[in-house]
Amino acid sequence: MKINNNQEERVEVMALFGYAMTPCQPLTFKRRGEQEIEVTELLKSQVRFVGKSAKHIFDVLAGNAAYRLTFDSVDLTWVAESI
């Protein structure tokens, strides 16, 4: 899967919460109507505060492709973009 032109696209994410020292770890993600893509490696995670919301940002590898998955703590949505 390639996200179009490095633009954000809403995705569904299966994540593991409260695991060891990592409070959240994305395991798979998919666009509507497509197959799941397995996250093979978590490269980096960070939190950015934007107004009243926290954006949880995960740079991940899925096979040979790199993606940034972002979780919005207010509207509880995930978006993905190719990096």
PDB file of N, CA and C in Angstrom:
ATOM      1  N   MET A   1       0.842  -1.177   0.000  1.00  0.00           N
ATOM      2  CA  MET A   1       0.000   0.000   0.000  1.00  0.00           C
ATOM      3  C   MET A   1       0.882   1.232   0.000  1.00  0.00           C
ATOM      4  N   LYS A   2       0.571   2.155  -0.836  1.00  0.00           N
ATOM      5  CA  LYS A   2       1.271   3.429  -0.864  1.00  0.00           C
ATOM      6  C   LYS A   2       0.225   4.513  -0.627  1.00  0.00           C
ATOM      7  N   ILE A   3       0.432   5.334   0.385  1.00  0.00           N
ATOM      8  CA  ILE A   3      -0.466   6.450   0.639  1.00  0.00           C
ATOM      9  C   ILE A   3      -0.171   7.504  -0.432  1.00  0.00           C
ATOM     10  N   ASN A   4      -1.195   8.074  -1.000  1.00  0.00           N
ATOM     11  CA  ASN A   4      -1.054   8.989  -2.135  1.00  0.00           C
ATOM     12  C   ASN A   4      -0.276  10.259  -1.812  1.00  0.00           C
ATOM     13  N   ASN A   5       0.803  10.478  -2.541  1.00  0.00           N
ATOM     14  CA  ASN A   5       1.576  11.729  -2.512  1.00  0.00           C
ATOM     15  C   ASN A   5       1.888  12.255  -1.119  1.00  0.00           C
ATOM     16  N   ASN A   6       2.269  11.379  -0.224  1.00  0.00           N
ATOM     17  CA  ASN A   6       2.644  11.764   1.141  1.00  0.00           C
ATOM     18  C   ASN A   6       1.548  12.543   1.868  1.00  0.00           C
ATOM     19  N   GLN A   7       0.305  12.350   1.479  1.00  0.00           N
ATOM     20  CA  GLN A   7      -0.801  13.006   2.158  1.00  0.00           C
ATOM     21  C   GLN A   7      -1.374  12.061   3.198  1.00  0.00           C
ATOM     22  N   GLU A   8      -1.935  12.638   4.230  1.00  0.00           N
ATOM     23  CA  GLU A   8      -2.526  11.831   5.280  1.00  0.00           C
ATOM     24  C   GLU A   8      -3.802  11.179   4.781  1.00  0.00           C
ATOM     25  N   GLU A   9      -4.018   9.954   5.226  1.00  0.00           N
ATOM     26  CA  GLU A   9      -5.218   9.219   4.874  1.00  0.00           C
ATOM     27  C   GLU A   9      -5.715   8.480   6.102  1.00  0.00           C
ATOM     28  N   ARG A  10      -6.999   8.544   6.337  1.00  0.00           N
ATOM     29  CA  ARG A  10      -7.577   7.892   7.510  1.00  0.00           C
ATOM     30  C   ARG A  10      -7.472   6.374   7.368  1.00  0.00           C
ATOM     31  N   VAL A  11      -7.070   5.713   8.455  1.00  0.00           N
ATOM     32  CA  VAL A  11      -6.892   4.268   8.455  1.00  0.00           C
ATOM     33  C   VAL A  11      -7.459   3.675   9.741  1.00  0.00           C
ATOM     34  N   GLU A  12      -7.666   2.360   9.717  1.00  0.00           N
ATOM     35  CA  GLU A  12      -8.017   1.602  10.916  1.00  0.00           C
ATOM     36  C   GLU A  12      -6.732   0.973  11.433  1.00  0.00           C
ATOM     37  N   VAL A  13      -6.536   1.024  12.741  1.00  0.00           N
ATOM     38  CA  VAL A  13      -5.304   0.501  13.341  1.00  0.00           C
ATOM     39  C   VAL A  13      -5.645  -0.481  14.451  1.00  0.00           C
ATOM     40  N   MET A  14      -4.936  -1.588  14.464  1.00  0.00           N
ATOM     41  CA  MET A  14      -4.996  -2.527  15.587  1.00  0.00           C
ATOM     42  C   MET A  14      -3.739  -2.245  16.408  1.00  0.00           C
ATOM     43  N   ALA A  15      -3.928  -1.869  17.664  1.00  0.00           N
ATOM     44  CA  ALA A  15      -2.788  -1.492  18.497  1.00  0.00           C
ATOM     45  C   ALA A  15      -2.847  -2.223  19.832  1.00  0.00           C
ATOM     46  N   LEU A  16      -1.684  -2.381  20.410  1.00  0.00           N
ATOM     47  CA  LEU A  16      -1.540  -2.989  21.734  1.00  0.00           C
ATOM     48  C   LEU A  16      -1.286  -1.860  22.723  1.00  0.00           C
ATOM     49  N   PHE A  17      -2.140  -1.733  23.727  1.00  0.00           N
ATOM     50  CA  PHE A  17      -2.001  -0.654  24.705  1.00  0.00           C
ATOM     51  C   PHE A  17      -1.487  -1.214  26.026  1.00  0.00           C
ATOM     52  N   GLY A  18      -0.645  -0.409  26.700  1.00  0.00           N
ATOM     53  CA  GLY A  18      -0.157  -0.765  28.020  1.00  0.00           C
ATOM     54  C   GLY A  18       0.805  -1.924  28.038  1.00  0.00           C
ATOM     55  N   TYR A  19       1.665  -2.019  27.037  1.00  0.00           N
ATOM     56  CA  TYR A  19       2.607  -3.127  26.947  1.00  0.00           C
ATOM     57  C   TYR A  19       3.994  -2.684  27.392  1.00  0.00           C
ATOM     58  N   ALA A  20       4.494  -3.226  28.476  1.00  0.00           N
ATOM     59  CA  ALA A  20       5.845  -2.948  29.009  1.00  0.00           C
ATOM     60  C   ALA A  20       6.108  -1.444  29.060  1.00  0.00           C
ATOM     61  N   MET A  21       7.218  -1.013  28.488  1.00  0.00           N
ATOM     62  CA  MET A  21       7.603   0.400  28.535  1.00  0.00           C
ATOM     63  C   MET A  21       6.980   1.208  27.394  1.00  0.00           C
ATOM     64  N   THR A  22       6.273   0.564  26.497  1.00  0.00           N
ATOM     65  CA  THR A  22       5.625   1.262  25.393  1.00  0.00           C
ATOM     66  C   THR A  22       4.127   1.313  25.682  1.00  0.00           C
ATOM     67  N   PRO A  23       3.579   2.512  25.971  1.00  0.00           N
ATOM     68  CA  PRO A  23       2.164   2.585  26.327  1.00  0.00           C
ATOM     69  C   PRO A  23       1.220   2.214  25.180  1.00  0.00           C
ATOM     70  N   CYS A  24       1.670   2.375  23.931  1.00  0.00           N
ATOM     71  CA  CYS A  24       0.864   2.003  22.779  1.00  0.00           C
ATOM     72  C   CYS A  24       1.796   1.584  21.654  1.00  0.00           C
ATOM     73  N   GLN A  25       1.442   0.481  20.985  1.00  0.00           N
ATOM     74  CA  GLN A  25       2.248   0.018  19.863  1.00  0.00           C
ATOM     75  C   GLN A  25       1.319  -0.442  18.741  1.00  0.00           C
ATOM     76  N   PRO A  26       1.346   0.248  17.580  1.00  0.00           N
ATOM     77  CA  PRO A  26       0.528  -0.191  16.452  1.00  0.00           C
ATOM     78  C   PRO A  26       1.022  -1.547  15.930  1.00  0.00           C
ATOM     79  N   LEU A  27       0.075  -2.467  15.672  1.00  0.00           N
ATOM     80  CA  LEU A  27       0.418  -3.796  15.184  1.00  0.00           C
ATOM     81  C   LEU A  27       0.099  -3.965  13.696  1.00  0.00           C
ATOM     82  N   THR A  28      -1.075  -3.483  13.277  1.00  0.00           N
ATOM     83  CA  THR A  28      -1.486  -3.532  11.876  1.00  0.00           C
ATOM     84  C   THR A  28      -2.290  -2.280  11.560  1.00  0.00           C
ATOM     85  N   PHE A  29      -2.436  -1.984  10.262  1.00  0.00           N
ATOM     86  CA  PHE A  29      -3.320  -0.907   9.834  1.00  0.00           C
ATOM     87  C   PHE A  29      -3.837  -1.219   8.438  1.00  0.00           C
ATOM     88  N   LYS A  30      -4.974  -0.572   8.090  1.00  0.00           N
ATOM     89  CA  LYS A  30      -5.526  -0.778   6.756  1.00  0.00           C
ATOM     90  C   LYS A  30      -6.430   0.382   6.362  1.00  0.00           C
ATOM     91  N   ARG A  31      -6.455   0.609   5.051  1.00  0.00           N
ATOM     92  CA  ARG A  31      -7.406   1.553   4.491  1.00  0.00           C
ATOM     93  C   ARG A  31      -8.728   0.831   4.303  1.00  0.00           C
ATOM     94  N   ARG A  32      -9.792   1.592   4.195  1.00  0.00           N
ATOM     95  CA  ARG A  32     -11.119   1.007   4.021  1.00  0.00           C
ATOM     96  C   ARG A  32     -11.152   0.107   2.791  1.00  0.00           C
ATOM     97  N   GLY A  33     -11.609  -1.119   2.979  1.00  0.00           N
ATOM     98  CA  GLY A  33     -11.767  -2.048   1.876  1.00  0.00           C
ATOM     99  C   GLY A  33     -10.495  -2.727   1.405  1.00  0.00           C
ATOM    100  N   GLU A  34      -9.371  -2.514   2.080  1.00  0.00           N
ATOM    101  CA  GLU A  34      -8.109  -3.141   1.681  1.00  0.00           C
ATOM    102  C   GLU A  34      -7.635  -4.109   2.754  1.00  0.00           C
ATOM    103  N   GLN A  35      -6.617  -4.895   2.424  1.00  0.00           N
ATOM    104  CA  GLN A  35      -6.087  -5.865   3.378  1.00  0.00           C
ATOM    105  C   GLN A  35      -5.231  -5.175   4.435  1.00  0.00           C
ATOM    106  N   GLU A  36      -5.151  -5.838   5.596  1.00  0.00           N
ATOM    107  CA  GLU A  36      -4.312  -5.324   6.684  1.00  0.00           C
ATOM    108  C   GLU A  36      -2.844  -5.353   6.284  1.00  0.00           C
ATOM    109  N   ILE A  37      -2.119  -4.376   6.801  1.00  0.00           N
ATOM    110  CA  ILE A  37      -0.671  -4.317   6.621  1.00  0.00           C
ATOM    111  C   ILE A  37      -0.043  -4.464   7.998  1.00  0.00           C
ATOM    112  N   GLU A  38       0.868  -5.402   8.128  1.00  0.00           N
ATOM    113  CA  GLU A  38       1.513  -5.667   9.408  1.00  0.00           C
ATOM    114  C   GLU A  38       2.678  -4.701   9.636  1.00  0.00           C
ATOM    115  N   VAL A  39       2.699  -4.101  10.816  1.00  0.00           N
ATOM    116  CA  VAL A  39       3.821  -3.260  11.223  1.00  0.00           C
ATOM    117  C   VAL A  39       4.948  -4.192  11.640  1.00  0.00           C
ATOM    118  N   THR A  40       6.081  -4.090  10.948  1.00  0.00           N
ATOM    119  CA  THR A  40       7.191  -4.993  11.255  1.00  0.00           C
ATOM    120  C   THR A  40       8.176  -4.394  12.250  1.00  0.00           C
ATOM    121  N   GLU A  41       8.181  -3.063  12.364  1.00  0.00           N
ATOM    122  CA  GLU A  41       9.103  -2.427  13.315  1.00  0.00           C
ATOM    123  C   GLU A  41       8.602  -1.041  13.694  1.00  0.00           C
ATOM    124  N   LEU A  42       8.673  -0.732  14.984  1.00  0.00           N
ATOM    125  CA  LEU A  42       8.384   0.606  15.482  1.00  0.00           C
ATOM    126  C   LEU A  42       9.701   1.363  15.522  1.00  0.00           C
ATOM    127  N   LEU A  43       9.814   2.404  14.709  1.00  0.00           N
ATOM    128  CA  LEU A  43      11.065   3.162  14.635  1.00  0.00           C
ATOM    129  C   LEU A  43      11.160   4.237  15.711  1.00  0.00           C
ATOM    130  N   LYS A  44      10.045   4.958  15.896  1.00  0.00           N
ATOM    131  CA  LYS A  44      10.074   6.084  16.836  1.00  0.00           C
ATOM    132  C   LYS A  44       8.639   6.416  17.214  1.00  0.00           C
ATOM    133  N   SER A  45       8.453   6.876  18.442  1.00  0.00           N
ATOM    134  CA  SER A  45       7.144   7.374  18.849  1.00  0.00           C
ATOM    135  C   SER A  45       7.335   8.663  19.641  1.00  0.00           C
ATOM    136  N   GLN A  46       6.338   9.523  19.536  1.00  0.00           N
ATOM    137  CA  GLN A  46       6.385  10.796  20.243  1.00  0.00           C
ATOM    138  C   GLN A  46       4.965  11.311  20.435  1.00  0.00           C
ATOM    139  N   VAL A  47       4.813  12.289  21.317  1.00  0.00           N
ATOM    140  CA  VAL A  47       3.523  12.928  21.554  1.00  0.00           C
ATOM    141  C   VAL A  47       3.709  14.413  21.309  1.00  0.00           C
ATOM    142  N   ARG A  48       2.780  14.979  20.541  1.00  0.00           N
ATOM    143  CA  ARG A  48       2.758  16.434  20.321  1.00  0.00           C
ATOM    144  C   ARG A  48       1.425  16.958  20.815  1.00  0.00           C
ATOM    145  N   PHE A  49       1.474  18.040  21.578  1.00  0.00           N
ATOM    146  CA  PHE A  49       0.255  18.644  22.096  1.00  0.00           C
ATOM    147  C   PHE A  49      -0.137  19.795  21.183  1.00  0.00           C
ATOM    148  N   VAL A  50      -1.382  19.704  20.665  1.00  0.00           N
ATOM    149  CA  VAL A  50      -1.908  20.708  19.742  1.00  0.00           C
ATOM    150  C   VAL A  50      -3.216  21.199  20.341  1.00  0.00           C
ATOM    151  N   GLY A  51      -3.184  22.421  20.892  1.00  0.00           N
ATOM    152  CA  GLY A  51      -4.377  22.915  21.580  1.00  0.00           C
ATOM    153  C   GLY A  51      -4.699  22.016  22.752  1.00  0.00           C
ATOM    154  N   LYS A  52      -5.941  21.522  22.778  1.00  0.00           N
ATOM    155  CA  LYS A  52      -6.370  20.649  23.873  1.00  0.00           C
ATOM    156  C   LYS A  52      -6.156  19.174  23.569  1.00  0.00           C
ATOM    157  N   SER A  53      -5.636  18.864  22.391  1.00  0.00           N
ATOM    158  CA  SER A  53      -5.484  17.448  22.045  1.00  0.00           C
ATOM    159  C   SER A  53      -4.018  17.029  22.045  1.00  0.00           C
ATOM    160  N   ALA A  54      -3.846  15.751  22.199  1.00  0.00           N
ATOM    161  CA  ALA A  54      -2.513  15.153  22.086  1.00  0.00           C
ATOM    162  C   ALA A  54      -2.498  14.316  20.820  1.00  0.00           C
ATOM    163  N   LYS A  55      -1.469  14.486  20.010  1.00  0.00           N
ATOM    164  CA  LYS A  55      -1.267  13.686  18.807  1.00  0.00           C
ATOM    165  C   LYS A  55      -0.158  12.685  19.120  1.00  0.00           C
ATOM    166  N   HIS A  56      -0.498  11.415  19.068  1.00  0.00           N
ATOM    167  CA  HIS A  56       0.472  10.349  19.311  1.00  0.00           C
ATOM    168  C   HIS A  56       0.994   9.906  17.951  1.00  0.00           C
ATOM    169  N   ILE A  57       2.282  10.061  17.727  1.00  0.00           N
ATOM    170  CA  ILE A  57       2.884   9.856  16.406  1.00  0.00           C
ATOM    171  C   ILE A  57       3.835   8.669  16.461  1.00  0.00           C
ATOM    172  N   PHE A  58       3.645   7.750  15.502  1.00  0.00           N
ATOM    173  CA  PHE A  58       4.443   6.537  15.425  1.00  0.00           C
ATOM    174  C   PHE A  58       5.050   6.424  14.039  1.00  0.00           C
ATOM    175  N   ASP A  59       6.371   6.405  13.950  1.00  0.00           N
ATOM    176  CA  ASP A  59       7.055   6.114  12.692  1.00  0.00           C
ATOM    177  C   ASP A  59       7.315   4.618  12.684  1.00  0.00           C
ATOM    178  N   VAL A  60       6.795   3.945  11.644  1.00  0.00           N
ATOM    179  CA  VAL A  60       6.858   2.480  11.603  1.00  0.00           C
ATOM    180  C   VAL A  60       7.342   1.993  10.242  1.00  0.00           C
ATOM    181  N   LEU A  61       7.831   0.759  10.241  1.00  0.00           N
ATOM    182  CA  LEU A  61       8.129   0.055   8.997  1.00  0.00           C
ATOM    183  C   LEU A  61       7.079  -1.025   8.816  1.00  0.00           C
ATOM    184  N   ALA A  62       6.664  -1.176   7.563  1.00  0.00           N
ATOM    185  CA  ALA A  62       5.763  -2.264   7.173  1.00  0.00           C
ATOM    186  C   ALA A  62       6.411  -2.886   5.947  1.00  0.00           C
ATOM    187  N   GLY A  63       7.187  -3.954   6.180  1.00  0.00           N
ATOM    188  CA  GLY A  63       8.001  -4.509   5.098  1.00  0.00           C
ATOM    189  C   GLY A  63       9.115  -3.532   4.770  1.00  0.00           C
ATOM    190  N   ASN A  64       9.191  -3.101   3.526  1.00  0.00           N
ATOM    191  CA  ASN A  64      10.216  -2.138   3.105  1.00  0.00           C
ATOM    192  C   ASN A  64       9.707  -0.703   3.070  1.00  0.00           C
ATOM    193  N   ALA A  65       8.464  -0.478   3.426  1.00  0.00           N
ATOM    194  CA  ALA A  65       7.871   0.857   3.362  1.00  0.00           C
ATOM    195  C   ALA A  65       7.805   1.484   4.751  1.00  0.00           C
ATOM    196  N   ALA A  66       8.022   2.803   4.798  1.00  0.00           N
ATOM    197  CA  ALA A  66       7.968   3.544   6.060  1.00  0.00           C
ATOM    198  C   ALA A  66       6.708   4.408   6.082  1.00  0.00           C
ATOM    199  N   TYR A  67       6.043   4.406   7.229  1.00  0.00           N
ATOM    200  CA  TYR A  67       4.815   5.176   7.403  1.00  0.00           C
ATOM    201  C   TYR A  67       4.852   5.923   8.713  1.00  0.00           C
ATOM    202  N   ARG A  68       4.075   6.989   8.765  1.00  0.00           N
ATOM    203  CA  ARG A  68       3.836   7.701  10.020  1.00  0.00           C
ATOM    204  C   ARG A  68       2.359   7.514  10.343  1.00  0.00           C
ATOM    205  N   LEU A  69       2.080   6.886  11.481  1.00  0.00           N
ATOM    206  CA  LEU A  69       0.714   6.708  11.965  1.00  0.00           C
ATOM    207  C   LEU A  69       0.494   7.703  13.093  1.00  0.00           C
ATOM    208  N   THR A  70      -0.599   8.454  13.014  1.00  0.00           N
ATOM    209  CA  THR A  70      -0.884   9.474  14.019  1.00  0.00           C
ATOM    210  C   THR A  70      -2.264   9.238  14.608  1.00  0.00           C
ATOM    211  N   PHE A  71      -2.315   9.206  15.946  1.00  0.00           N
ATOM    212  CA  PHE A  71      -3.566   9.017  16.677  1.00  0.00           C
ATOM    213  C   PHE A  71      -3.955  10.332  17.328  1.00  0.00           C
ATOM    214  N   ASP A  72      -5.180  10.794  17.087  1.00  0.00           N
ATOM    215  CA  ASP A  72      -5.701  12.021  17.687  1.00  0.00           C
ATOM    216  C   ASP A  72      -6.493  11.648  18.935  1.00  0.00           C
ATOM    217  N   SER A  73      -6.069  12.144  20.085  1.00  0.00           N
ATOM    218  CA  SER A  73      -6.683  11.754  21.352  1.00  0.00           C
ATOM    219  C   SER A  73      -8.055  12.369  21.575  1.00  0.00           C
ATOM    220  N   VAL A  74      -8.436  13.370  20.781  1.00  0.00           N
ATOM    221  CA  VAL A  74      -9.752  13.987  20.959  1.00  0.00           C
ATOM    222  C   VAL A  74     -10.813  13.275  20.122  1.00  0.00           C
ATOM    223  N   ASP A  75     -10.565  13.127  18.818  1.00  0.00           N
ATOM    224  CA  ASP A  75     -11.584  12.482  17.982  1.00  0.00           C
ATOM    225  C   ASP A  75     -11.328  10.987  17.779  1.00  0.00           C
ATOM    226  N   LEU A  76     -10.264  10.466  18.389  1.00  0.00           N
ATOM    227  CA  LEU A  76      -9.941   9.034  18.410  1.00  0.00           C
ATOM    228  C   LEU A  76      -9.788   8.439  17.006  1.00  0.00           C
ATOM    229  N   THR A  77      -9.188   9.207  16.104  1.00  0.00           N
ATOM    230  CA  THR A  77      -8.959   8.731  14.747  1.00  0.00           C
ATOM    231  C   THR A  77      -7.469   8.520  14.507  1.00  0.00           C
ATOM    232  N   TRP A  78      -7.182   7.630  13.557  1.00  0.00           N
ATOM    233  CA  TRP A  78      -5.816   7.355  13.112  1.00  0.00           C
ATOM    234  C   TRP A  78      -5.682   7.826  11.668  1.00  0.00           C
ATOM    235  N   VAL A  79      -4.542   8.418  11.330  1.00  0.00           N
ATOM    236  CA  VAL A  79      -4.223   8.732   9.943  1.00  0.00           C
ATOM    237  C   VAL A  79      -2.834   8.176   9.660  1.00  0.00           C
ATOM    238  N   ALA A  80      -2.601   7.868   8.381  1.00  0.00           N
ATOM    239  CA  ALA A  80      -1.301   7.350   7.950  1.00  0.00           C
ATOM    240  C   ALA A  80      -0.795   8.205   6.810  1.00  0.00           C
ATOM    241  N   GLU A  81       0.517   8.309   6.718  1.00  0.00           N
ATOM    242  CA  GLU A  81       1.167   8.928   5.564  1.00  0.00           C
ATOM    243  C   GLU A  81       2.485   8.214   5.317  1.00  0.00           C
ATOM    244  N   SER A  82       2.871   8.147   4.049  1.00  0.00           N
ATOM    245  CA  SER A  82       4.165   7.566   3.703  1.00  0.00           C
ATOM    246  C   SER A  82       5.263   8.535   4.087  1.00  0.00           C
ATOM    247  N   ILE A  83       6.374   7.997   4.583  1.00  0.00           N
ATOM    248  CA  ILE A  83       7.509   8.879   4.898  1.00  0.00           C
ATOM    249  C   ILE A  83       8.747   8.350   4.214  1.00  0.00           C
TER     250      ILE A  83
END
